[in-house]
Amino acid sequence: MKLSIVATLYKSARYIEEFCYRAGVAATKLVGDDYEIILVNDGSPDESLSVAKNIANSDLHVCVVDLSKNFGHHKAMMTGLQQATGERVFLIDSDLEEEPEWLNLFDECMAVHQCDVVYGVQGARKGGWVERMSGPLFYRAFRLLTGISQPDNIVTARLMTNQYVTELIRHEERELNIGGLWLITGFNQRALSIVKKATSPTTYSLRGKLSHFVNAVTSFSSLPLVFTFYVGGIVSITALLFIAYLVIRYFLGAAPPMGYTSIVASIWLFSGLIIFFIGVQGIYISKIFTEVKRRPYTIIRSIYRAEREGASK
C-alpha cells in the first residue's frame, strides 16, 4: 500500500461522501489505485457511522473503524494511525475545513525537502474573537511551560512517512496529547502554510479547551510541580523575614503592628495557595493513577471493509 488517508468522524455525516470522493481523486492523482481511506468513527451521535458504512460497502478503498464510544479526537487519530498500512500516511480532518487536495501540495513539499513529515500551519486563526485570542495564549503558555517549540495555529493535516508513524504510535500514554507527541517523536519535519476554511463551529467548549491545556502541559512538563516548590520557598523565606522583623521590633520596645483585616486576608491568601498547590500535585497523581492501570485508550467495536466477496466486519 503506497498511501493511507486517515480521518476521524464526529458529527461529520454531511461531509463524509464529499470527503471520500475528493480524497479519492487526490490519492488517485498521486499513487493511482494503491491507496486506502481509513475513517475512525469516534462515537459520533449523528448518522456518520451509517453513511461511512454505506460508502465502505461499495468502495474497496474505504475502511471504517467504529470505536465503542467517544474517546476524544486525539485518541481516535492515534487509533486510525495504528490501522494505517501505507508507505505514507496523510492525516486530515473530515469536515472539509482542511482540503483533501492539500495532499498533492504536501507531497511536493516532502519531495523538495526530502523530509519525513509535512504539517500544515494557518497564517491566521479562524473563528470568533474568543477562538482568536485563546489560540495564541495556549501556544505561548504551552511553549513556556513545556519547552516544546510547537508552532502557532498548527492544524491536523500532515503527510508522514511510514517510519515516522511507526515510531509515533509507540507512545503509550493513556491521557495523550498528540500535538506534543508529533514534535517529540522527532525526524525531519517541515511546516507548510495553508488557509483553512471555516465550515462548522468548533466542538471544543471553553471548559474543553482548559482541560486540553492542563492535560497538554502536565503530559510534557513537571514545571508546575517545580513552580510550587519555589513559590513555597519564597513564601517561607518571606514569613521568616517578617518574623525576624517583629522580633527586632519587640526588643526595641515597639508594639507589633495591629490589623485584623490584614491577618484574615493573609490567611485566605495562603490557604488558597496551599489548596492550589495540592491541586497541582493531585493532577499529576491522577495521571500516574491513569497510566499505571494500562487500560487501552480506545476500544474498537468493529472494522468495516468491503471485499470482492461482499462486505465484511
C-alpha atoms as a PDB file:
ATOM      1  CA  MET A   1       0.000   0.000   0.000  1.00  0.00           C
ATOM      2  CA  LYS A   2       1.516   3.304  -1.100  1.00  0.00           C
ATOM      3  CA  LEU A   3      -0.801   5.726   0.714  1.00  0.00           C
ATOM      4  CA  SER A   4      -3.157   5.737   3.691  1.00  0.00           C
ATOM      5  CA  ILE A   5      -5.532   8.643   4.309  1.00  0.00           C
ATOM      6  CA  VAL A   6      -6.732   8.763   7.925  1.00  0.00           C
ATOM      7  CA  ALA A   7      -9.632  10.882   9.212  1.00  0.00           C
ATOM      8  CA  THR A   8     -11.877  10.856  12.274  1.00  0.00           C
ATOM      9  CA  LEU A   9     -15.658  11.193  12.318  1.00  0.00           C
ATOM     10  CA  TYR A  10     -17.645  13.170  14.869  1.00  0.00           C
ATOM     11  CA  LYS A  11     -20.836  14.893  13.740  1.00  0.00           C
ATOM     12  CA  SER A  12     -19.459  14.507  10.228  1.00  0.00           C
ATOM     13  CA  ALA A  13     -22.355  12.830   8.380  1.00  0.00           C
ATOM     14  CA  ARG A  14     -22.935  15.679   5.932  1.00  0.00           C
ATOM     15  CA  TYR A  15     -19.278  15.832   4.904  1.00  0.00           C
ATOM     16  CA  ILE A  16     -18.294  12.172   4.531  1.00  0.00           C
ATOM     17  CA  GLU A  17     -19.391  11.482   0.954  1.00  0.00           C
ATOM     18  CA  GLU A  18     -17.738  14.588  -0.453  1.00  0.00           C
ATOM     19  CA  PHE A  19     -14.647  14.000   1.675  1.00  0.00           C
ATOM     20  CA  CYS A  20     -14.193  10.435   0.425  1.00  0.00           C
ATOM     21  CA  TYR A  21     -14.751  11.470  -3.188  1.00  0.00           C
ATOM     22  CA  ARG A  22     -12.271  14.346  -3.056  1.00  0.00           C
ATOM     23  CA  ALA A  23      -9.736  12.341  -1.049  1.00  0.00           C
ATOM     24  CA  GLY A  24     -10.021   9.504  -3.572  1.00  0.00           C
ATOM     25  CA  VAL A  25      -9.457  11.847  -6.513  1.00  0.00           C
ATOM     26  CA  ALA A  26      -6.392  13.400  -4.852  1.00  0.00           C
ATOM     27  CA  ALA A  27      -4.987   9.990  -3.934  1.00  0.00           C
ATOM     28  CA  THR A  28      -5.533   8.606  -7.448  1.00  0.00           C
ATOM     29  CA  LYS A  29      -3.581  11.500  -8.956  1.00  0.00           C
ATOM     30  CA  LEU A  30      -0.712  10.740  -6.606  1.00  0.00           C
ATOM     31  CA  VAL A  31      -0.498   6.938  -6.361  1.00  0.00           C
ATOM     32  CA  GLY A  32      -3.072   5.560  -8.761  1.00  0.00           C
ATOM     33  CA  ASP A  33      -5.256   2.831  -7.274  1.00  0.00           C
ATOM     34  CA  ASP A  34      -2.885   1.861  -4.465  1.00  0.00           C
ATOM     35  CA  TYR A  35      -4.404   3.732  -1.517  1.00  0.00           C
ATOM     36  CA  GLU A  36      -6.815   3.352   1.408  1.00  0.00           C
ATOM     37  CA  ILE A  37      -9.074   5.762   3.270  1.00  0.00           C
ATOM     38  CA  ILE A  38      -9.454   4.964   6.975  1.00  0.00           C
ATOM     39  CA  LEU A  39     -12.409   6.612   8.719  1.00  0.00           C
ATOM     40  CA  VAL A  40     -12.475   6.350  12.525  1.00  0.00           C
ATOM     41  CA  ASN A  41     -15.936   6.834  13.984  1.00  0.00           C
ATOM     42  CA  ASP A  42     -15.335   8.405  17.396  1.00  0.00           C
ATOM     43  CA  GLY A  43     -18.748   7.612  18.859  1.00  0.00           C
ATOM     44  CA  SER A  44     -20.446  10.183  16.648  1.00  0.00           C
ATOM     45  CA  PRO A  45     -24.057  10.861  17.772  1.00  0.00           C
ATOM     46  CA  ASP A  46     -25.305  11.527  14.223  1.00  0.00           C
ATOM     47  CA  GLU A  47     -25.500   9.236  11.165  1.00  0.00           C
ATOM     48  CA  SER A  48     -21.752   9.309  10.492  1.00  0.00           C
ATOM     49  CA  LEU A  49     -21.278   5.565  11.006  1.00  0.00           C
ATOM     50  CA  SER A  50     -24.199   4.620   8.759  1.00  0.00           C
ATOM     51  CA  VAL A  51     -23.040   6.918   5.966  1.00  0.00           C
ATOM     52  CA  ALA A  52     -19.441   5.708   6.233  1.00  0.00           C
ATOM     53  CA  LYS A  53     -20.511   2.031   6.208  1.00  0.00           C
ATOM     54  CA  ASN A  54     -22.564   2.553   3.053  1.00  0.00           C
ATOM     55  CA  ILE A  55     -19.529   4.042   1.332  1.00  0.00           C
ATOM     56  CA  ALA A  56     -17.264   1.229   2.571  1.00  0.00           C
ATOM     57  CA  ASN A  57     -19.699  -1.392   1.220  1.00  0.00           C
ATOM     58  CA  SER A  58     -19.227  -0.102  -2.305  1.00  0.00           C
ATOM     59  CA  ASP A  59     -15.691   1.305  -2.252  1.00  0.00           C
ATOM     60  CA  LEU A  60     -12.802  -1.118  -1.788  1.00  0.00           C
ATOM     61  CA  HIS A  61     -10.523   1.739  -0.735  1.00  0.00           C
ATOM     62  CA  VAL A  62     -12.577   2.751   2.318  1.00  0.00           C
ATOM     63  CA  CYS A  63     -12.173   1.176   5.752  1.00  0.00           C
ATOM     64  CA  VAL A  64     -14.384   2.220   8.682  1.00  0.00           C
ATOM     65  CA  VAL A  65     -13.104   1.756  12.240  1.00  0.00           C
ATOM     66  CA  ASP A  66     -16.001   2.047  14.683  1.00  0.00           C
ATOM     67  CA  LEU A  67     -14.987   2.856  18.271  1.00  0.00           C
ATOM     68  CA  SER A  68     -17.153   1.600  21.112  1.00  0.00           C
ATOM     69  CA  LYS A  69     -17.822   5.147  22.358  1.00  0.00           C
ATOM     70  CA  ASN A  70     -16.480   8.685  22.127  1.00  0.00           C
ATOM     71  CA  PHE A  71     -12.861   8.639  23.315  1.00  0.00           C
ATOM     72  CA  GLY A  72     -11.739  12.043  22.011  1.00  0.00           C
ATOM     73  CA  HIS A  73     -10.209  13.425  18.837  1.00  0.00           C
ATOM     74  CA  HIS A  74      -6.562  12.758  19.717  1.00  0.00           C
ATOM     75  CA  LYS A  75      -7.120   9.149  20.763  1.00  0.00           C
ATOM     76  CA  ALA A  76      -9.219   8.475  17.678  1.00  0.00           C
ATOM     77  CA  MET A  77      -6.451   9.837  15.454  1.00  0.00           C
ATOM     78  CA  MET A  78      -3.870   7.573  17.087  1.00  0.00           C
ATOM     79  CA  THR A  79      -6.177   4.586  16.584  1.00  0.00           C
ATOM     80  CA  GLY A  80      -6.512   5.440  12.903  1.00  0.00           C
ATOM     81  CA  LEU A  81      -2.746   5.720  12.534  1.00  0.00           C
ATOM     82  CA  GLN A  82      -2.369   2.280  14.118  1.00  0.00           C
ATOM     83  CA  GLN A  83      -4.590   0.849  11.374  1.00  0.00           C
ATOM     84  CA  ALA A  84      -2.723   2.571   8.519  1.00  0.00           C
ATOM     85  CA  THR A  85      -0.503   0.388   6.318  1.00  0.00           C
ATOM     86  CA  GLY A  86       0.630   2.842   3.655  1.00  0.00           C
ATOM     87  CA  GLU A  87       4.223   3.823   2.878  1.00  0.00           C
ATOM     88  CA  ARG A  88       2.998   7.354   3.518  1.00  0.00           C
ATOM     89  CA  VAL A  89       0.119   8.427   5.737  1.00  0.00           C
ATOM     90  CA  PHE A  90      -1.991  11.547   5.238  1.00  0.00           C
ATOM     91  CA  LEU A  91      -3.821  12.569   8.434  1.00  0.00           C
ATOM     92  CA  ILE A  92      -6.609  15.097   7.967  1.00  0.00           C
ATOM     93  CA  ASP A  93      -9.937  16.182   9.469  1.00  0.00           C
ATOM     94  CA  SER A  94     -13.034  15.050   7.584  1.00  0.00           C
ATOM     95  CA  ASP A  95     -15.091  18.266   7.926  1.00  0.00           C
ATOM     96  CA  LEU A  96     -13.558  19.755   4.743  1.00  0.00           C
ATOM     97  CA  GLU A  97     -12.114  22.750   6.590  1.00  0.00           C
ATOM     98  CA  GLU A  98      -8.844  21.063   5.664  1.00  0.00           C
ATOM     99  CA  GLU A  99      -8.981  20.276   1.966  1.00  0.00           C
ATOM    100  CA  PRO A 100      -8.142  16.745   0.742  1.00  0.00           C
ATOM    101  CA  GLU A 101      -6.442  18.343  -2.270  1.00  0.00           C
ATOM    102  CA  TRP A 102      -3.675  19.533   0.069  1.00  0.00           C
ATOM    103  CA  LEU A 103      -2.294  16.006  -0.278  1.00  0.00           C
ATOM    104  CA  ASN A 104      -0.568  16.930  -3.522  1.00  0.00           C
ATOM    105  CA  LEU A 105       0.875  20.154  -2.067  1.00  0.00           C
ATOM    106  CA  PHE A 106       2.206  18.281   0.939  1.00  0.00           C
ATOM    107  CA  ASP A 107       3.711  15.623  -1.337  1.00  0.00           C
ATOM    108  CA  GLU A 108       5.533  18.271  -3.389  1.00  0.00           C
ATOM    109  CA  CYS A 109       6.935  19.838  -0.200  1.00  0.00           C
ATOM    110  CA  MET A 110       8.061  16.426   1.077  1.00  0.00           C
ATOM    111  CA  ALA A 111       9.795  15.676  -2.221  1.00  0.00           C
ATOM    112  CA  VAL A 112      11.582  19.043  -2.330  1.00  0.00           C
ATOM    113  CA  HIS A 113      12.847  18.936   1.259  1.00  0.00           C
ATOM    114  CA  GLN A 114      13.307  15.159   1.486  1.00  0.00           C
ATOM    115  CA  CYS A 115      11.660  15.230   4.912  1.00  0.00           C
ATOM    116  CA  ASP A 116       9.678  12.738   6.966  1.00  0.00           C
ATOM    117  CA  VAL A 117       6.737  14.974   7.877  1.00  0.00           C
ATOM    118  CA  VAL A 118       4.977  17.932   6.280  1.00  0.00           C
ATOM    119  CA  TYR A 119       2.369  19.594   8.507  1.00  0.00           C
ATOM    120  CA  GLY A 120       0.005  22.484   7.909  1.00  0.00           C
ATOM    121  CA  VAL A 121       0.090  25.802   9.764  1.00  0.00           C
ATOM    122  CA  GLN A 122      -2.533  28.543   9.484  1.00  0.00           C
ATOM    123  CA  GLY A 123      -1.406  32.078   8.848  1.00  0.00           C
ATOM    124  CA  ALA A 124      -4.369  33.420  10.835  1.00  0.00           C
ATOM    125  CA  ARG A 125      -6.685  31.575  13.199  1.00  0.00           C
ATOM    126  CA  LYS A 126     -10.352  31.230  12.214  1.00  0.00           C
ATOM    127  CA  GLY A 127     -13.402  31.610  14.451  1.00  0.00           C
ATOM    128  CA  GLY A 128     -14.715  34.264  16.816  1.00  0.00           C
ATOM    129  CA  TRP A 129     -12.702  36.621  18.978  1.00  0.00           C
ATOM    130  CA  VAL A 130     -12.525  34.096  21.824  1.00  0.00           C
ATOM    131  CA  GLU A 131     -11.038  31.497  19.474  1.00  0.00           C
ATOM    132  CA  ARG A 132      -8.565  34.008  18.008  1.00  0.00           C
ATOM    133  CA  MET A 133      -7.486  35.208  21.463  1.00  0.00           C
ATOM    134  CA  SER A 134      -7.276  31.845  23.228  1.00  0.00           C
ATOM    135  CA  GLY A 135      -5.265  30.152  20.485  1.00  0.00           C
ATOM    136  CA  PRO A 136      -2.091  32.277  20.724  1.00  0.00           C
ATOM    137  CA  LEU A 137      -2.287  32.256  24.545  1.00  0.00           C
ATOM    138  CA  PHE A 138      -2.434  28.457  24.549  1.00  0.00           C
ATOM    139  CA  TYR A 139       0.615  28.036  22.318  1.00  0.00           C
ATOM    140  CA  ARG A 140       2.699  30.614  24.187  1.00  0.00           C
ATOM    141  CA  ALA A 141       1.847  29.123  27.583  1.00  0.00           C
ATOM    142  CA  PHE A 142       2.473  25.592  26.276  1.00  0.00           C
ATOM    143  CA  ARG A 143       5.928  26.541  24.948  1.00  0.00           C
ATOM    144  CA  LEU A 144       6.788  28.397  28.174  1.00  0.00           C
ATOM    145  CA  LEU A 145       5.752  25.574  30.499  1.00  0.00           C
ATOM    146  CA  THR A 146       6.992  22.588  28.483  1.00  0.00           C
ATOM    147  CA  GLY A 147       9.950  23.850  26.460  1.00  0.00           C
ATOM    148  CA  ILE A 148       8.448  22.204  23.338  1.00  0.00           C
ATOM    149  CA  SER A 149       8.511  24.552  20.350  1.00  0.00           C
ATOM    150  CA  GLN A 150       5.042  23.863  18.996  1.00  0.00           C
ATOM    151  CA  PRO A 151       4.202  26.346  16.203  1.00  0.00           C
ATOM    152  CA  ASP A 152       1.190  28.620  16.476  1.00  0.00           C
ATOM    153  CA  ASN A 153      -2.011  27.561  14.694  1.00  0.00           C
ATOM    154  CA  ILE A 154      -0.850  24.078  13.739  1.00  0.00           C
ATOM    155  CA  VAL A 155      -3.610  22.015  12.092  1.00  0.00           C
ATOM    156  CA  THR A 156      -4.374  18.307  11.913  1.00  0.00           C
ATOM    157  CA  ALA A 157      -3.430  17.871   8.249  1.00  0.00           C
ATOM    158  CA  ARG A 158       0.001  16.273   7.814  1.00  0.00           C
ATOM    159  CA  LEU A 159       1.739  13.881   5.439  1.00  0.00           C
ATOM    160  CA  MET A 160       4.041  11.388   7.180  1.00  0.00           C
ATOM    161  CA  THR A 161       6.326   8.539   6.226  1.00  0.00           C
ATOM    162  CA  ASN A 162       5.554   5.048   7.479  1.00  0.00           C
ATOM    163  CA  GLN A 163       8.738   5.055   9.575  1.00  0.00           C
ATOM    164  CA  TYR A 164       7.668   8.209  11.405  1.00  0.00           C
ATOM    165  CA  VAL A 165       4.147   6.857  12.033  1.00  0.00           C
ATOM    166  CA  THR A 166       5.589   3.573  13.338  1.00  0.00           C
ATOM    167  CA  GLU A 167       7.625   5.475  15.925  1.00  0.00           C
ATOM    168  CA  LEU A 168       4.773   7.874  16.742  1.00  0.00           C
ATOM    169  CA  ILE A 169       2.354   5.106  17.713  1.00  0.00           C
ATOM    170  CA  ARG A 170       4.953   3.590  20.039  1.00  0.00           C
ATOM    171  CA  HIS A 171       3.973   6.272  22.566  1.00  0.00           C
ATOM    172  CA  GLU A 172       1.655   4.566  25.025  1.00  0.00           C
ATOM    173  CA  GLU A 173       0.229   7.404  27.117  1.00  0.00           C
ATOM    174  CA  ARG A 174      -3.387   6.857  28.137  1.00  0.00           C
ATOM    175  CA  GLU A 175      -4.078  10.595  28.527  1.00  0.00           C
ATOM    176  CA  LEU A 176      -2.265  11.640  25.388  1.00  0.00           C
ATOM    177  CA  ASN A 177      -1.791  14.993  23.709  1.00  0.00           C
ATOM    178  CA  ILE A 178      -0.999  14.224  20.117  1.00  0.00           C
ATOM    179  CA  GLY A 179       0.280  17.736  19.310  1.00  0.00           C
ATOM    180  CA  GLY A 180       3.221  17.330  21.666  1.00  0.00           C
ATOM    181  CA  LEU A 181       3.836  13.729  20.546  1.00  0.00           C
ATOM    182  CA  TRP A 182       4.097  14.886  16.933  1.00  0.00           C
ATOM    183  CA  LEU A 183       7.050  17.064  17.883  1.00  0.00           C
ATOM    184  CA  ILE A 184       8.907  14.923  20.422  1.00  0.00           C
ATOM    185  CA  THR A 185       8.889  11.969  18.017  1.00  0.00           C
ATOM    186  CA  GLY A 186      11.491  13.904  16.066  1.00  0.00           C
ATOM    187  CA  PHE A 187      12.591  13.226  12.472  1.00  0.00           C
ATOM    188  CA  ASN A 188      12.849  15.898   9.780  1.00  0.00           C
ATOM    189  CA  GLN A 189       9.625  17.936   9.870  1.00  0.00           C
ATOM    190  CA  ARG A 190       8.607  20.868   7.689  1.00  0.00           C
ATOM    191  CA  ALA A 191       5.774  23.375   8.090  1.00  0.00           C
ATOM    192  CA  LEU A 192       3.607  24.384   5.147  1.00  0.00           C
ATOM    193  CA  SER A 193       1.441  27.491   5.301  1.00  0.00           C
ATOM    194  CA  ILE A 194      -2.188  26.806   4.390  1.00  0.00           C
ATOM    195  CA  VAL A 195      -5.541  28.576   4.503  1.00  0.00           C
ATOM    196  CA  LYS A 196      -8.121  26.636   6.481  1.00  0.00           C
ATOM    197  CA  LYS A 197     -11.816  27.093   5.752  1.00  0.00           C
ATOM    198  CA  ALA A 198     -14.488  27.560   8.412  1.00  0.00           C
ATOM    199  CA  THR A 199     -17.347  25.159   7.580  1.00  0.00           C
ATOM    200  CA  SER A 200     -18.621  24.393  11.080  1.00  0.00           C
ATOM    201  CA  PRO A 201     -18.343  25.702  14.655  1.00  0.00           C
ATOM    202  CA  THR A 202     -15.663  24.206  16.871  1.00  0.00           C
ATOM    203  CA  THR A 203     -16.671  21.249  19.060  1.00  0.00           C
ATOM    204  CA  TYR A 204     -14.252  22.399  21.793  1.00  0.00           C
ATOM    205  CA  SER A 205     -16.007  24.321  24.581  1.00  0.00           C
ATOM    206  CA  LEU A 206     -14.136  26.709  26.883  1.00  0.00           C
ATOM    207  CA  ARG A 207     -14.112  24.006  29.539  1.00  0.00           C
ATOM    208  CA  GLY A 208     -12.782  21.539  26.969  1.00  0.00           C
ATOM    209  CA  LYS A 209     -10.021  23.912  25.948  1.00  0.00           C
ATOM    210  CA  LEU A 210      -8.948  24.449  29.562  1.00  0.00           C
ATOM    211  CA  SER A 211      -8.954  20.694  30.144  1.00  0.00           C
ATOM    212  CA  HIS A 212      -6.938  20.214  26.969  1.00  0.00           C
ATOM    213  CA  PHE A 213      -4.398  22.826  28.089  1.00  0.00           C
ATOM    214  CA  VAL A 214      -3.961  21.256  31.546  1.00  0.00           C
ATOM    215  CA  ASN A 215      -3.570  17.808  30.008  1.00  0.00           C
ATOM    216  CA  ALA A 216      -1.078  19.098  27.431  1.00  0.00           C
ATOM    217  CA  VAL A 217       1.133  20.816  29.996  1.00  0.00           C
ATOM    218  CA  THR A 218       1.084  18.051  32.596  1.00  0.00           C
ATOM    219  CA  SER A 219       1.793  15.445  29.900  1.00  0.00           C
ATOM    220  CA  PHE A 220       5.077  17.038  28.867  1.00  0.00           C
ATOM    221  CA  SER A 221       6.379  19.047  31.799  1.00  0.00           C
ATOM    222  CA  SER A 222       6.938  18.831  35.547  1.00  0.00           C
ATOM    223  CA  LEU A 223       7.454  22.607  35.726  1.00  0.00           C
ATOM    224  CA  PRO A 224       4.180  23.243  37.634  1.00  0.00           C
ATOM    225  CA  LEU A 225       5.481  20.978  40.417  1.00  0.00           C
ATOM    226  CA  VAL A 226       8.839  22.757  40.413  1.00  0.00           C
ATOM    227  CA  PHE A 227       6.988  26.077  40.470  1.00  0.00           C
ATOM    228  CA  THR A 228       5.108  25.073  43.636  1.00  0.00           C
ATOM    229  CA  PHE A 229       8.432  24.283  45.322  1.00  0.00           C
ATOM    230  CA  TYR A 230       9.916  27.685  44.523  1.00  0.00           C
ATOM    231  CA  VAL A 231       6.778  29.596  45.462  1.00  0.00           C
ATOM    232  CA  GLY A 232       6.629  27.675  48.749  1.00  0.00           C
ATOM    233  CA  GLY A 233      10.272  28.554  49.395  1.00  0.00           C
ATOM    234  CA  ILE A 234       9.680  32.236  48.661  1.00  0.00           C
ATOM    235  CA  VAL A 235       6.636  32.333  50.950  1.00  0.00           C
ATOM    236  CA  SER A 236       8.569  30.605  53.748  1.00  0.00           C
ATOM    237  CA  ILE A 237      11.541  32.968  53.452  1.00  0.00           C
ATOM    238  CA  THR A 238       9.217  35.983  53.413  1.00  0.00           C
ATOM    239  CA  ALA A 239       7.462  34.705  56.542  1.00  0.00           C
ATOM    240  CA  LEU A 240      10.792  34.155  58.346  1.00  0.00           C
ATOM    241  CA  LEU A 241      11.951  37.648  57.448  1.00  0.00           C
ATOM    242  CA  PHE A 242       8.687  39.115  58.729  1.00  0.00           C
ATOM    243  CA  ILE A 243       9.006  37.143  61.988  1.00  0.00           C
ATOM    244  CA  ALA A 244      12.539  38.422  62.383  1.00  0.00           C
ATOM    245  CA  TYR A 245      11.254  41.957  61.821  1.00  0.00           C
ATOM    246  CA  LEU A 246       8.598  41.522  64.546  1.00  0.00           C
ATOM    247  CA  VAL A 247      11.170  40.108  67.000  1.00  0.00           C
ATOM    248  CA  ILE A 248      13.506  43.025  66.391  1.00  0.00           C
ATOM    249  CA  ARG A 249      10.647  45.487  66.940  1.00  0.00           C
ATOM    250  CA  TYR A 250       9.700  43.702  70.168  1.00  0.00           C
ATOM    251  CA  PHE A 251      13.203  44.001  71.623  1.00  0.00           C
ATOM    252  CA  LEU A 252      13.376  47.623  70.573  1.00  0.00           C
ATOM    253  CA  GLY A 253      10.244  48.289  72.604  1.00  0.00           C
ATOM    254  CA  ALA A 254       7.905  48.932  69.690  1.00  0.00           C
ATOM    255  CA  ALA A 255       4.415  47.432  69.694  1.00  0.00           C
ATOM    256  CA  PRO A 256       3.729  44.864  66.991  1.00  0.00           C
ATOM    257  CA  PRO A 257       1.582  46.133  64.115  1.00  0.00           C
ATOM    258  CA  MET A 258      -2.160  45.606  64.586  1.00  0.00           C
ATOM    259  CA  GLY A 259      -4.665  44.727  61.902  1.00  0.00           C
ATOM    260  CA  TYR A 260      -7.371  42.056  61.985  1.00  0.00           C
ATOM    261  CA  THR A 261      -8.277  42.576  58.307  1.00  0.00           C
ATOM    262  CA  SER A 262      -4.695  42.022  57.116  1.00  0.00           C
ATOM    263  CA  ILE A 263      -4.449  38.815  59.163  1.00  0.00           C
ATOM    264  CA  VAL A 264      -7.656  37.412  57.676  1.00  0.00           C
ATOM    265  CA  ALA A 265      -6.573  38.399  54.157  1.00  0.00           C
ATOM    266  CA  SER A 266      -3.203  36.688  54.676  1.00  0.00           C
ATOM    267  CA  ILE A 267      -4.907  33.507  55.906  1.00  0.00           C
ATOM    268  CA  TRP A 268      -7.182  33.458  52.879  1.00  0.00           C
ATOM    269  CA  LEU A 269      -4.265  34.077  50.512  1.00  0.00           C
ATOM    270  CA  PHE A 270      -2.025  31.348  51.857  1.00  0.00           C
ATOM    271  CA  SER A 271      -4.914  28.908  52.301  1.00  0.00           C
ATOM    272  CA  GLY A 272      -5.747  29.438  48.649  1.00  0.00           C
ATOM    273  CA  LEU A 273      -2.126  28.866  47.636  1.00  0.00           C
ATOM    274  CA  ILE A 274      -1.976  25.662  49.664  1.00  0.00           C
ATOM    275  CA  ILE A 275      -5.166  24.306  48.081  1.00  0.00           C
ATOM    276  CA  PHE A 276      -3.947  25.319  44.612  1.00  0.00           C
ATOM    277  CA  PHE A 277      -0.596  23.581  45.037  1.00  0.00           C
ATOM    278  CA  ILE A 278      -2.238  20.465  46.430  1.00  0.00           C
ATOM    279  CA  GLY A 279      -4.492  20.502  43.384  1.00  0.00           C
ATOM    280  CA  VAL A 280      -1.496  20.685  41.021  1.00  0.00           C
ATOM    281  CA  GLN A 281       0.084  17.698  42.728  1.00  0.00           C
ATOM    282  CA  GLY A 282      -3.283  15.925  42.597  1.00  0.00           C
ATOM    283  CA  ILE A 283      -3.381  16.326  38.814  1.00  0.00           C
ATOM    284  CA  TYR A 284      -0.019  14.616  38.463  1.00  0.00           C
ATOM    285  CA  ILE A 285      -1.026  11.861  40.877  1.00  0.00           C
ATOM    286  CA  SER A 286      -4.242  11.285  38.908  1.00  0.00           C
ATOM    287  CA  LYS A 287      -2.210  10.963  35.697  1.00  0.00           C
ATOM    288  CA  ILE A 288       0.036   8.398  37.376  1.00  0.00           C
ATOM    289  CA  PHE A 289      -3.107   6.565  38.527  1.00  0.00           C
ATOM    290  CA  THR A 290      -4.417   6.522  34.958  1.00  0.00           C
ATOM    291  CA  GLU A 291      -1.158   5.412  33.367  1.00  0.00           C
ATOM    292  CA  VAL A 292      -0.304   2.553  35.739  1.00  0.00           C
ATOM    293  CA  LYS A 293      -3.647   0.836  35.082  1.00  0.00           C
ATOM    294  CA  ARG A 294      -2.595   0.440  31.405  1.00  0.00           C
ATOM    295  CA  ARG A 295      -6.150   0.499  30.128  1.00  0.00           C
ATOM    296  CA  PRO A 296      -6.481   0.789  26.331  1.00  0.00           C
ATOM    297  CA  TYR A 297      -7.097   4.405  25.334  1.00  0.00           C
ATOM    298  CA  THR A 298      -9.653   3.311  22.717  1.00  0.00           C
ATOM    299  CA  ILE A 299     -11.740   0.191  22.148  1.00  0.00           C
ATOM    300  CA  ILE A 300     -12.688  -0.831  18.611  1.00  0.00           C
ATOM    301  CA  ARG A 301     -16.209  -2.233  18.243  1.00  0.00           C
ATOM    302  CA  SER A 302     -15.972  -3.228  14.569  1.00  0.00           C
ATOM    303  CA  ILE A 303     -13.960  -2.688  11.423  1.00  0.00           C
ATOM    304  CA  TYR A 304     -15.880  -2.479   8.164  1.00  0.00           C
ATOM    305  CA  ARG A 305     -14.082  -3.025   4.866  1.00  0.00           C
ATOM    306  CA  ALA A 306     -15.616  -4.139   1.586  1.00  0.00           C
ATOM    307  CA  GLU A 307     -14.120  -7.159  -0.143  1.00  0.00           C
ATOM    308  CA  ARG A 308     -14.786  -8.626  -3.535  1.00  0.00           C
ATOM    309  CA  GLU A 309     -16.898 -11.327  -1.953  1.00  0.00           C
ATOM    310  CA  GLY A 310     -19.013  -8.697  -0.194  1.00  0.00           C
ATOM    311  CA  ALA A 311     -18.987  -6.577   2.921  1.00  0.00           C
ATOM    312  CA  SER A 312     -17.289  -7.966   5.997  1.00  0.00           C
ATOM    313  CA  LYS A 313     -16.627  -6.873   9.511  1.00  0.00           C
END
